[in-house]
Amino acid sequence: MHSKVTNRIALSLIILCALTMAGILAALLGYILFRGLTSISWDFLTSESSPFLAGGGIKDQLWNSFYVLIITMILTVPIGIAGGIYLAEYARPGKLTSFIRSCVEVLASLPSIVVGMFGMLLFVNYFGFRYSVLSGALALTVFNLPVIVRVTEDGFNSISRHQKEGGLALGLTHWHTIKTILLPAAFPSILTGIILSAGRVFGESAALLFTAGLSTPDLDFTNWNPAAPNSPLNIFRSAETLSVHIWAVNTSGIIPDIAKVANGSAAVLVICVLLFNLLARGLGKVINTKLSGK
């Protein structure tokens, strides 16, 4: 009887904790969406922001957020997957492997503000990239790289050892076994981790304050020459992202409709992050179903 009572108490506490976390998340999202959805309109999403007048939108900031995200993932994904494959398949137990794992853990635990200051010193000042899309993407690469490495390593470690041994038994080389058998099997979990990390990058602001900048030039969306100063594709221009825009509006904004712009921007940001998470779950299930044949 005593063990049954203890089991019920433990189960009740677990359920209570789960409901508390879900309730906090629902309350936070509900509050942001309730205050911000009324501010979202097509004009709000497609018009430029105004530093002085009311009625500005978030077109440039929204574009900058996605553009910085794309450049970041182009830099992060190949390096992160290669690092995860090395740790899972090639690294032997020893001091070097322990040192690499320690570096990954330290990078994963660094506060984003520290990564931003590091990016400002190295990419903005030392390499002379100034406040730009490239500086922000490089800083976020440092910030996001440990996540991709760990997701890839965990994905490979979760694969049955018989799959690897079967490939080697057929006479395949180690790399060919990784490329044709292990990587496709681990791809669903890797893709899920990539999309979830993309949502994390999309909402980042502290690291971008010191690297991507607090302003955006007048972008000409008819000029797609990457070398043009006002081209949306120029990676050497400053780029205020949506999360940084929310911070700037709330701290130093002087426009009459500060609350409307901040609430609408926050709602758009939350919706995008939610879509990243839903996309990760959906794609992960679809790809896992196709690869497993279920």
C-alpha atoms as a PDB file:
ATOM      1  CA  MET A   1       0.000   0.000   0.000  1.00  0.00           C
ATOM      2  CA  HIS A   2       2.836   2.318   0.857  1.00  0.00           C
ATOM      3  CA  SER A   3       4.476   1.801  -2.532  1.00  0.00           C
ATOM      4  CA  LYS A   4       1.176   2.479  -4.344  1.00  0.00           C
ATOM      5  CA  VAL A   5       0.684   5.743  -2.473  1.00  0.00           C
ATOM      6  CA  THR A   6       4.257   6.797  -3.251  1.00  0.00           C
ATOM      7  CA  ASN A   7       3.750   5.946  -6.909  1.00  0.00           C
ATOM      8  CA  ARG A   8       0.551   8.008  -7.085  1.00  0.00           C
ATOM      9  CA  ILE A   9       2.210  10.966  -5.376  1.00  0.00           C
ATOM     10  CA  ALA A  10       5.180  10.827  -7.772  1.00  0.00           C
ATOM     11  CA  LEU A  11       2.863  10.535 -10.786  1.00  0.00           C
ATOM     12  CA  SER A  12       0.748  13.442  -9.555  1.00  0.00           C
ATOM     13  CA  LEU A  13       3.858  15.628  -9.123  1.00  0.00           C
ATOM     14  CA  ILE A  14       5.090  14.760 -12.612  1.00  0.00           C
ATOM     15  CA  ILE A  15       1.707  15.596 -14.141  1.00  0.00           C
ATOM     16  CA  LEU A  16       1.556  18.821 -12.132  1.00  0.00           C
ATOM     17  CA  CYS A  17       4.990  19.882 -13.374  1.00  0.00           C
ATOM     18  CA  ALA A  18       4.032  19.086 -16.979  1.00  0.00           C
ATOM     19  CA  LEU A  19       0.775  21.028 -16.700  1.00  0.00           C
ATOM     20  CA  THR A  20       2.610  23.951 -15.071  1.00  0.00           C
ATOM     21  CA  MET A  21       5.117  24.165 -17.927  1.00  0.00           C
ATOM     22  CA  ALA A  22       2.360  23.863 -20.526  1.00  0.00           C
ATOM     23  CA  GLY A  23       0.290  26.496 -18.718  1.00  0.00           C
ATOM     24  CA  ILE A  24       3.186  28.955 -18.529  1.00  0.00           C
ATOM     25  CA  LEU A  25       3.916  28.482 -22.236  1.00  0.00           C
ATOM     26  CA  ALA A  26       0.248  28.844 -23.178  1.00  0.00           C
ATOM     27  CA  ALA A  27      -0.126  31.971 -21.042  1.00  0.00           C
ATOM     28  CA  LEU A  28       3.005  33.563 -22.518  1.00  0.00           C
ATOM     29  CA  LEU A  29       2.072  32.787 -26.104  1.00  0.00           C
ATOM     30  CA  GLY A  30      -1.544  33.787 -25.532  1.00  0.00           C
ATOM     31  CA  TYR A  31      -0.522  37.125 -24.047  1.00  0.00           C
ATOM     32  CA  ILE A  32       1.853  37.942 -26.922  1.00  0.00           C
ATOM     33  CA  LEU A  33      -0.579  36.867 -29.631  1.00  0.00           C
ATOM     34  CA  PHE A  34      -3.564  38.554 -27.979  1.00  0.00           C
ATOM     35  CA  ARG A  35      -1.760  41.887 -27.877  1.00  0.00           C
ATOM     36  CA  GLY A  36      -0.034  41.588 -31.226  1.00  0.00           C
ATOM     37  CA  LEU A  37      -2.354  39.882 -33.697  1.00  0.00           C
ATOM     38  CA  THR A  38      -4.516  42.972 -34.080  1.00  0.00           C
ATOM     39  CA  SER A  39      -1.448  44.943 -35.191  1.00  0.00           C
ATOM     40  CA  ILE A  40      -0.515  42.504 -37.963  1.00  0.00           C
ATOM     41  CA  SER A  41      -1.691  43.362 -41.459  1.00  0.00           C
ATOM     42  CA  TRP A  42      -0.372  43.046 -44.990  1.00  0.00           C
ATOM     43  CA  ASP A  43       0.679  46.690 -44.906  1.00  0.00           C
ATOM     44  CA  PHE A  44       2.517  46.103 -41.615  1.00  0.00           C
ATOM     45  CA  LEU A  45       4.459  43.183 -43.131  1.00  0.00           C
ATOM     46  CA  THR A  46       5.296  44.892 -46.433  1.00  0.00           C
ATOM     47  CA  SER A  47       6.023  48.515 -45.471  1.00  0.00           C
ATOM     48  CA  GLU A  48       9.267  49.996 -44.219  1.00  0.00           C
ATOM     49  CA  SER A  49       9.763  50.990 -40.607  1.00  0.00           C
ATOM     50  CA  SER A  50       9.779  54.670 -39.668  1.00  0.00           C
ATOM     51  CA  PRO A  51      12.040  56.120 -36.957  1.00  0.00           C
ATOM     52  CA  PHE A  52       9.779  59.119 -36.317  1.00  0.00           C
ATOM     53  CA  LEU A  53       6.314  58.715 -37.859  1.00  0.00           C
ATOM     54  CA  ALA A  54       3.508  56.337 -36.983  1.00  0.00           C
ATOM     55  CA  GLY A  55       2.350  53.614 -39.349  1.00  0.00           C
ATOM     56  CA  GLY A  56       5.701  51.972 -40.074  1.00  0.00           C
ATOM     57  CA  GLY A  57       6.100  48.271 -40.791  1.00  0.00           C
ATOM     58  CA  ILE A  58       8.724  45.540 -40.506  1.00  0.00           C
ATOM     59  CA  LYS A  59       9.464  44.616 -44.133  1.00  0.00           C
ATOM     60  CA  ASP A  60      13.230  45.181 -43.990  1.00  0.00           C
ATOM     61  CA  GLN A  61      13.598  43.670 -40.512  1.00  0.00           C
ATOM     62  CA  LEU A  62      11.669  40.559 -41.490  1.00  0.00           C
ATOM     63  CA  TRP A  63      13.793  40.130 -44.616  1.00  0.00           C
ATOM     64  CA  ASN A  64      16.984  40.653 -42.612  1.00  0.00           C
ATOM     65  CA  SER A  65      15.950  37.986 -40.101  1.00  0.00           C
ATOM     66  CA  PHE A  66      15.436  35.362 -42.788  1.00  0.00           C
ATOM     67  CA  TYR A  67      18.536  36.428 -44.718  1.00  0.00           C
ATOM     68  CA  VAL A  68      20.801  36.250 -41.663  1.00  0.00           C
ATOM     69  CA  LEU A  69      19.236  32.893 -40.830  1.00  0.00           C
ATOM     70  CA  ILE A  70      19.929  31.499 -44.318  1.00  0.00           C
ATOM     71  CA  ILE A  71      23.565  32.660 -44.312  1.00  0.00           C
ATOM     72  CA  THR A  72      24.015  31.267 -40.794  1.00  0.00           C
ATOM     73  CA  MET A  73      22.649  27.852 -41.722  1.00  0.00           C
ATOM     74  CA  ILE A  74      24.777  27.730 -44.893  1.00  0.00           C
ATOM     75  CA  LEU A  75      27.839  28.230 -42.688  1.00  0.00           C
ATOM     76  CA  THR A  76      26.733  26.104 -39.752  1.00  0.00           C
ATOM     77  CA  VAL A  77      25.149  22.975 -41.206  1.00  0.00           C
ATOM     78  CA  PRO A  78      28.126  21.556 -43.216  1.00  0.00           C
ATOM     79  CA  ILE A  79      30.639  22.228 -40.429  1.00  0.00           C
ATOM     80  CA  GLY A  80      28.308  20.981 -37.693  1.00  0.00           C
ATOM     81  CA  ILE A  81      27.372  17.761 -39.511  1.00  0.00           C
ATOM     82  CA  ALA A  82      31.029  17.067 -40.338  1.00  0.00           C
ATOM     83  CA  GLY A  83      31.995  17.620 -36.691  1.00  0.00           C
ATOM     84  CA  GLY A  84      29.205  15.338 -35.465  1.00  0.00           C
ATOM     85  CA  ILE A  85      30.210  12.593 -37.903  1.00  0.00           C
ATOM     86  CA  TYR A  86      33.816  12.851 -36.748  1.00  0.00           C
ATOM     87  CA  LEU A  87      32.892  12.539 -33.065  1.00  0.00           C
ATOM     88  CA  ALA A  88      30.471   9.673 -33.707  1.00  0.00           C
ATOM     89  CA  GLU A  89      32.454   7.614 -36.220  1.00  0.00           C
ATOM     90  CA  TYR A  90      36.113   8.592 -36.326  1.00  0.00           C
ATOM     91  CA  ALA A  91      37.137  10.018 -32.946  1.00  0.00           C
ATOM     92  CA  ARG A  92      38.850   7.523 -30.667  1.00  0.00           C
ATOM     93  CA  PRO A  93      38.664   7.801 -26.868  1.00  0.00           C
ATOM     94  CA  GLY A  94      41.541   9.920 -25.675  1.00  0.00           C
ATOM     95  CA  LYS A  95      42.674  13.343 -24.593  1.00  0.00           C
ATOM     96  CA  LEU A  96      42.066  14.954 -27.987  1.00  0.00           C
ATOM     97  CA  THR A  97      38.493  13.681 -28.194  1.00  0.00           C
ATOM     98  CA  SER A  98      37.818  14.728 -24.609  1.00  0.00           C
ATOM     99  CA  PHE A  99      39.208  18.179 -25.376  1.00  0.00           C
ATOM    100  CA  ILE A 100      36.979  18.535 -28.464  1.00  0.00           C
ATOM    101  CA  ARG A 101      33.908  17.465 -26.508  1.00  0.00           C
ATOM    102  CA  SER A 102      34.776  19.940 -23.757  1.00  0.00           C
ATOM    103  CA  CYS A 103      35.069  22.727 -26.334  1.00  0.00           C
ATOM    104  CA  VAL A 104      31.657  21.837 -27.756  1.00  0.00           C
ATOM    105  CA  GLU A 105      30.099  21.856 -24.275  1.00  0.00           C
ATOM    106  CA  VAL A 106      31.687  25.204 -23.413  1.00  0.00           C
ATOM    107  CA  LEU A 107      30.498  26.775 -26.665  1.00  0.00           C
ATOM    108  CA  ALA A 108      26.995  25.437 -26.051  1.00  0.00           C
ATOM    109  CA  SER A 109      26.887  27.033 -22.593  1.00  0.00           C
ATOM    110  CA  LEU A 110      28.228  30.464 -23.563  1.00  0.00           C
ATOM    111  CA  PRO A 111      25.728  33.325 -23.098  1.00  0.00           C
ATOM    112  CA  SER A 112      24.697  34.858 -26.396  1.00  0.00           C
ATOM    113  CA  ILE A 113      25.810  38.312 -25.248  1.00  0.00           C
ATOM    114  CA  VAL A 114      29.352  36.956 -24.819  1.00  0.00           C
ATOM    115  CA  VAL A 115      29.233  35.482 -28.324  1.00  0.00           C
ATOM    116  CA  GLY A 116      28.074  38.867 -29.610  1.00  0.00           C
ATOM    117  CA  MET A 117      30.961  40.713 -27.951  1.00  0.00           C
ATOM    118  CA  PHE A 118      33.390  38.114 -29.281  1.00  0.00           C
ATOM    119  CA  GLY A 119      31.918  38.579 -32.767  1.00  0.00           C
ATOM    120  CA  MET A 120      32.253  42.350 -32.495  1.00  0.00           C
ATOM    121  CA  LEU A 121      35.928  42.121 -31.511  1.00  0.00           C
ATOM    122  CA  LEU A 122      36.828  39.484 -34.096  1.00  0.00           C
ATOM    123  CA  PHE A 123      34.560  39.896 -37.120  1.00  0.00           C
ATOM    124  CA  VAL A 124      33.512  43.556 -36.875  1.00  0.00           C
ATOM    125  CA  ASN A 125      36.793  45.105 -35.717  1.00  0.00           C
ATOM    126  CA  TYR A 126      39.678  42.699 -36.394  1.00  0.00           C
ATOM    127  CA  PHE A 127      38.585  41.349 -39.799  1.00  0.00           C
ATOM    128  CA  GLY A 128      36.924  44.634 -40.747  1.00  0.00           C
ATOM    129  CA  PHE A 129      33.537  43.222 -41.763  1.00  0.00           C
ATOM    130  CA  ARG A 130      31.881  46.070 -39.817  1.00  0.00           C
ATOM    131  CA  TYR A 131      28.284  45.776 -38.646  1.00  0.00           C
ATOM    132  CA  SER A 132      26.933  43.531 -41.367  1.00  0.00           C
ATOM    133  CA  VAL A 133      24.944  40.456 -42.287  1.00  0.00           C
ATOM    134  CA  LEU A 134      28.188  38.485 -42.538  1.00  0.00           C
ATOM    135  CA  SER A 135      29.376  39.483 -39.056  1.00  0.00           C
ATOM    136  CA  GLY A 136      26.022  38.546 -37.570  1.00  0.00           C
ATOM    137  CA  ALA A 137      25.938  35.219 -39.409  1.00  0.00           C
ATOM    138  CA  LEU A 138      29.468  34.333 -38.299  1.00  0.00           C
ATOM    139  CA  ALA A 139      28.655  35.156 -34.681  1.00  0.00           C
ATOM    140  CA  LEU A 140      25.499  33.046 -34.839  1.00  0.00           C
ATOM    141  CA  THR A 141      27.535  30.239 -36.399  1.00  0.00           C
ATOM    142  CA  VAL A 142      29.717  30.173 -33.287  1.00  0.00           C
ATOM    143  CA  PHE A 143      26.559  30.298 -31.185  1.00  0.00           C
ATOM    144  CA  ASN A 144      24.736  27.551 -33.101  1.00  0.00           C
ATOM    145  CA  LEU A 145      27.551  25.183 -34.113  1.00  0.00           C
ATOM    146  CA  PRO A 146      27.542  23.077 -30.907  1.00  0.00           C
ATOM    147  CA  VAL A 147      23.830  22.339 -31.345  1.00  0.00           C
ATOM    148  CA  ILE A 148      24.286  20.879 -34.841  1.00  0.00           C
ATOM    149  CA  VAL A 149      27.346  18.894 -33.738  1.00  0.00           C
ATOM    150  CA  ARG A 150      25.503  17.325 -30.813  1.00  0.00           C
ATOM    151  CA  VAL A 151      22.343  16.617 -32.823  1.00  0.00           C
ATOM    152  CA  THR A 152      24.370  14.889 -35.548  1.00  0.00           C
ATOM    153  CA  GLU A 153      26.391  12.852 -33.074  1.00  0.00           C
ATOM    154  CA  ASP A 154      23.256  11.763 -31.194  1.00  0.00           C
ATOM    155  CA  GLY A 155      21.576  10.865 -34.488  1.00  0.00           C
ATOM    156  CA  PHE A 156      24.462   8.590 -35.482  1.00  0.00           C
ATOM    157  CA  ASN A 157      24.720   7.048 -32.019  1.00  0.00           C
ATOM    158  CA  SER A 158      21.017   6.154 -32.073  1.00  0.00           C
ATOM    159  CA  ILE A 159      21.428   3.997 -35.204  1.00  0.00           C
ATOM    160  CA  SER A 160      21.617   0.255 -34.703  1.00  0.00           C
ATOM    161  CA  ARG A 161      25.179  -1.007 -34.918  1.00  0.00           C
ATOM    162  CA  HIS A 162      24.004  -3.826 -37.188  1.00  0.00           C
ATOM    163  CA  GLN A 163      23.421  -1.345 -40.018  1.00  0.00           C
ATOM    164  CA  LYS A 164      27.020  -0.214 -39.938  1.00  0.00           C
ATOM    165  CA  GLU A 165      28.362  -3.735 -39.611  1.00  0.00           C
ATOM    166  CA  GLY A 166      26.144  -4.879 -42.491  1.00  0.00           C
ATOM    167  CA  GLY A 167      27.610  -2.222 -44.779  1.00  0.00           C
ATOM    168  CA  LEU A 168      31.170  -3.094 -43.830  1.00  0.00           C
ATOM    169  CA  ALA A 169      30.409  -6.804 -44.300  1.00  0.00           C
ATOM    170  CA  LEU A 170      29.382  -6.081 -47.897  1.00  0.00           C
ATOM    171  CA  GLY A 171      32.836  -4.649 -48.543  1.00  0.00           C
ATOM    172  CA  LEU A 172      31.930  -0.957 -48.382  1.00  0.00           C
ATOM    173  CA  THR A 173      34.499   1.505 -47.094  1.00  0.00           C
ATOM    174  CA  HIS A 174      33.836   3.326 -43.838  1.00  0.00           C
ATOM    175  CA  TRP A 175      33.025   6.616 -45.580  1.00  0.00           C
ATOM    176  CA  HIS A 176      30.790   4.919 -48.170  1.00  0.00           C
ATOM    177  CA  THR A 177      28.915   3.202 -45.334  1.00  0.00           C
ATOM    178  CA  ILE A 178      28.440   6.556 -43.613  1.00  0.00           C
ATOM    179  CA  LYS A 179      27.314   8.258 -46.822  1.00  0.00           C
ATOM    180  CA  THR A 180      24.904   5.621 -48.100  1.00  0.00           C
ATOM    181  CA  ILE A 181      23.609   3.910 -44.927  1.00  0.00           C
ATOM    182  CA  LEU A 182      24.215   5.830 -41.697  1.00  0.00           C
ATOM    183  CA  LEU A 183      23.619   9.401 -42.871  1.00  0.00           C
ATOM    184  CA  PRO A 184      20.215   8.652 -44.486  1.00  0.00           C
ATOM    185  CA  ALA A 185      19.170   6.768 -41.347  1.00  0.00           C
ATOM    186  CA  ALA A 186      20.207   9.650 -39.080  1.00  0.00           C
ATOM    187  CA  PHE A 187      18.874  12.351 -41.398  1.00  0.00           C
ATOM    188  CA  PRO A 188      15.396  12.730 -39.814  1.00  0.00           C
ATOM    189  CA  SER A 189      16.830  13.556 -36.376  1.00  0.00           C
ATOM    190  CA  ILE A 190      19.505  15.793 -37.916  1.00  0.00           C
ATOM    191  CA  LEU A 191      16.893  17.690 -39.934  1.00  0.00           C
ATOM    192  CA  THR A 192      14.698  18.135 -36.878  1.00  0.00           C
ATOM    193  CA  GLY A 193      17.650  19.528 -34.939  1.00  0.00           C
ATOM    194  CA  ILE A 194      18.566  21.869 -37.798  1.00  0.00           C
ATOM    195  CA  ILE A 195      15.062  23.327 -38.034  1.00  0.00           C
ATOM    196  CA  LEU A 196      14.766  23.712 -34.259  1.00  0.00           C
ATOM    197  CA  SER A 197      18.146  25.456 -34.148  1.00  0.00           C
ATOM    198  CA  ALA A 198      16.952  27.688 -37.004  1.00  0.00           C
ATOM    199  CA  GLY A 199      14.076  28.822 -34.796  1.00  0.00           C
ATOM    200  CA  ARG A 200      16.562  29.530 -32.037  1.00  0.00           C
ATOM    201  CA  VAL A 201      18.715  31.613 -34.393  1.00  0.00           C
ATOM    202  CA  PHE A 202      15.689  33.460 -35.795  1.00  0.00           C
ATOM    203  CA  GLY A 203      14.751  34.777 -32.362  1.00  0.00           C
ATOM    204  CA  GLU A 204      18.279  35.690 -31.269  1.00  0.00           C
ATOM    205  CA  SER A 205      18.986  39.335 -30.520  1.00  0.00           C
ATOM    206  CA  ALA A 206      21.845  39.730 -28.022  1.00  0.00           C
ATOM    207  CA  ALA A 207      24.520  38.369 -30.361  1.00  0.00           C
ATOM    208  CA  LEU A 208      23.242  40.490 -33.248  1.00  0.00           C
ATOM    209  CA  LEU A 209      23.253  43.763 -31.323  1.00  0.00           C
ATOM    210  CA  PHE A 210      27.058  43.838 -31.532  1.00  0.00           C
ATOM    211  CA  THR A 211      27.514  42.296 -34.986  1.00  0.00           C
ATOM    212  CA  ALA A 212      24.643  42.913 -37.422  1.00  0.00           C
ATOM    213  CA  GLY A 213      23.890  46.428 -36.217  1.00  0.00           C
ATOM    214  CA  LEU A 214      20.884  48.502 -35.210  1.00  0.00           C
ATOM    215  CA  SER A 215      20.067  50.005 -38.593  1.00  0.00           C
ATOM    216  CA  THR A 216      19.275  49.007 -42.157  1.00  0.00           C
ATOM    217  CA  PRO A 217      19.972  51.015 -45.321  1.00  0.00           C
ATOM    218  CA  ASP A 218      17.101  51.850 -47.661  1.00  0.00           C
ATOM    219  CA  LEU A 219      16.827  48.494 -49.392  1.00  0.00           C
ATOM    220  CA  ASP A 220      15.918  48.399 -53.076  1.00  0.00           C
ATOM    221  CA  PHE A 221      14.093  45.119 -53.667  1.00  0.00           C
ATOM    222  CA  THR A 222      14.390  45.604 -57.422  1.00  0.00           C
ATOM    223  CA  ASN A 223      18.184  45.535 -57.231  1.00  0.00           C
ATOM    224  CA  TRP A 224      19.462  42.004 -56.586  1.00  0.00           C
ATOM    225  CA  ASN A 225      23.116  42.744 -57.284  1.00  0.00           C
ATOM    226  CA  PRO A 226      24.955  41.487 -54.160  1.00  0.00           C
ATOM    227  CA  ALA A 227      27.637  44.154 -54.626  1.00  0.00           C
ATOM    228  CA  ALA A 228      25.202  47.095 -54.531  1.00  0.00           C
ATOM    229  CA  PRO A 229      25.130  48.950 -51.169  1.00  0.00           C
ATOM    230  CA  ASN A 230      21.333  48.967 -50.986  1.00  0.00           C
ATOM    231  CA  SER A 231      20.787  45.462 -52.365  1.00  0.00           C
ATOM    232  CA  PRO A 232      18.889  43.046 -50.095  1.00  0.00           C
ATOM    233  CA  LEU A 233      21.532  40.403 -50.927  1.00  0.00           C
ATOM    234  CA  ASN A 234      24.551  42.482 -49.872  1.00  0.00           C
ATOM    235  CA  ILE A 235      26.165  40.619 -46.968  1.00  0.00           C
ATOM    236  CA  PHE A 236      28.403  43.565 -46.036  1.00  0.00           C
ATOM    237  CA  ARG A 237      25.566  45.958 -45.136  1.00  0.00           C
ATOM    238  CA  SER A 238      24.139  46.479 -41.674  1.00  0.00           C
ATOM    239  CA  ALA A 239      21.003  44.499 -40.941  1.00  0.00           C
ATOM    240  CA  GLU A 240      18.605  45.142 -38.087  1.00  0.00           C
ATOM    241  CA  THR A 241      16.703  41.896 -37.522  1.00  0.00           C
ATOM    242  CA  LEU A 242      13.183  41.559 -36.161  1.00  0.00           C
ATOM    243  CA  SER A 243      14.255  40.624 -32.635  1.00  0.00           C
ATOM    244  CA  VAL A 244      16.723  43.528 -32.489  1.00  0.00           C
ATOM    245  CA  HIS A 245      14.008  45.830 -33.846  1.00  0.00           C
ATOM    246  CA  ILE A 246      11.703  44.834 -30.976  1.00  0.00           C
ATOM    247  CA  TRP A 247      14.447  45.633 -28.468  1.00  0.00           C
ATOM    248  CA  ALA A 248      15.279  48.970 -30.129  1.00  0.00           C
ATOM    249  CA  VAL A 249      11.647  50.082 -30.350  1.00  0.00           C
ATOM    250  CA  ASN A 250      10.999  49.307 -26.691  1.00  0.00           C
ATOM    251  CA  THR A 251      14.193  50.895 -25.364  1.00  0.00           C
ATOM    252  CA  SER A 252      14.853  53.937 -27.545  1.00  0.00           C
ATOM    253  CA  GLY A 253      11.914  54.276 -29.936  1.00  0.00           C
ATOM    254  CA  ILE A 254      10.272  57.701 -30.292  1.00  0.00           C
ATOM    255  CA  ILE A 255       7.502  56.804 -32.739  1.00  0.00           C
ATOM    256  CA  PRO A 256       3.942  57.510 -31.542  1.00  0.00           C
ATOM    257  CA  ASP A 257       2.761  53.898 -32.008  1.00  0.00           C
ATOM    258  CA  ILE A 258       5.561  52.145 -30.131  1.00  0.00           C
ATOM    259  CA  ALA A 259       3.229  49.643 -28.458  1.00  0.00           C
ATOM    260  CA  LYS A 260       1.545  48.662 -31.728  1.00  0.00           C
ATOM    261  CA  VAL A 261       4.823  48.114 -33.580  1.00  0.00           C
ATOM    262  CA  ALA A 262       6.448  46.236 -30.689  1.00  0.00           C
ATOM    263  CA  ASN A 263       3.429  43.996 -30.074  1.00  0.00           C
ATOM    264  CA  GLY A 264       2.956  43.234 -33.770  1.00  0.00           C
ATOM    265  CA  SER A 265       6.654  42.474 -34.236  1.00  0.00           C
ATOM    266  CA  ALA A 266       6.676  40.179 -31.207  1.00  0.00           C
ATOM    267  CA  ALA A 267       3.625  38.316 -32.503  1.00  0.00           C
ATOM    268  CA  VAL A 268       5.237  37.825 -35.924  1.00  0.00           C
ATOM    269  CA  LEU A 269       8.424  36.574 -34.278  1.00  0.00           C
ATOM    270  CA  VAL A 270       6.542  34.087 -32.096  1.00  0.00           C
ATOM    271  CA  ILE A 271       4.486  32.829 -35.048  1.00  0.00           C
ATOM    272  CA  CYS A 272       7.651  32.252 -37.098  1.00  0.00           C
ATOM    273  CA  VAL A 273       9.324  30.326 -34.253  1.00  0.00           C
ATOM    274  CA  LEU A 274       6.177  28.213 -33.797  1.00  0.00           C
ATOM    275  CA  LEU A 275       6.142  27.461 -37.526  1.00  0.00           C
ATOM    276  CA  PHE A 276       9.788  26.354 -37.350  1.00  0.00           C
ATOM    277  CA  ASN A 277       8.919  23.922 -34.560  1.00  0.00           C
ATOM    278  CA  LEU A 278       5.841  22.546 -36.339  1.00  0.00           C
ATOM    279  CA  LEU A 279       7.825  22.214 -39.566  1.00  0.00           C
ATOM    280  CA  ALA A 280      10.539  20.299 -37.719  1.00  0.00           C
ATOM    281  CA  ARG A 281       8.038  17.822 -36.315  1.00  0.00           C
ATOM    282  CA  GLY A 282       6.197  17.391 -39.598  1.00  0.00           C
ATOM    283  CA  LEU A 283       9.273  16.937 -41.787  1.00  0.00           C
ATOM    284  CA  GLY A 284      10.884  14.641 -39.250  1.00  0.00           C
ATOM    285  CA  LYS A 285       7.849  12.329 -39.225  1.00  0.00           C
ATOM    286  CA  VAL A 286       7.474  12.321 -43.012  1.00  0.00           C
ATOM    287  CA  ILE A 287      11.148  11.582 -43.705  1.00  0.00           C
ATOM    288  CA  ASN A 288      11.353   8.978 -40.948  1.00  0.00           C
ATOM    289  CA  THR A 289       8.279   7.237 -42.400  1.00  0.00           C
ATOM    290  CA  LYS A 290       9.784   7.159 -45.904  1.00  0.00           C
ATOM    291  CA  LEU A 291      13.197   5.957 -44.783  1.00  0.00           C
ATOM    292  CA  SER A 292      11.850   3.326 -42.399  1.00  0.00           C
ATOM    293  CA  GLY A 293       9.171   2.105 -44.814  1.00  0.00           C
ATOM    294  CA  LYS A 294       6.432   2.220 -42.177  1.00  0.00           C
END
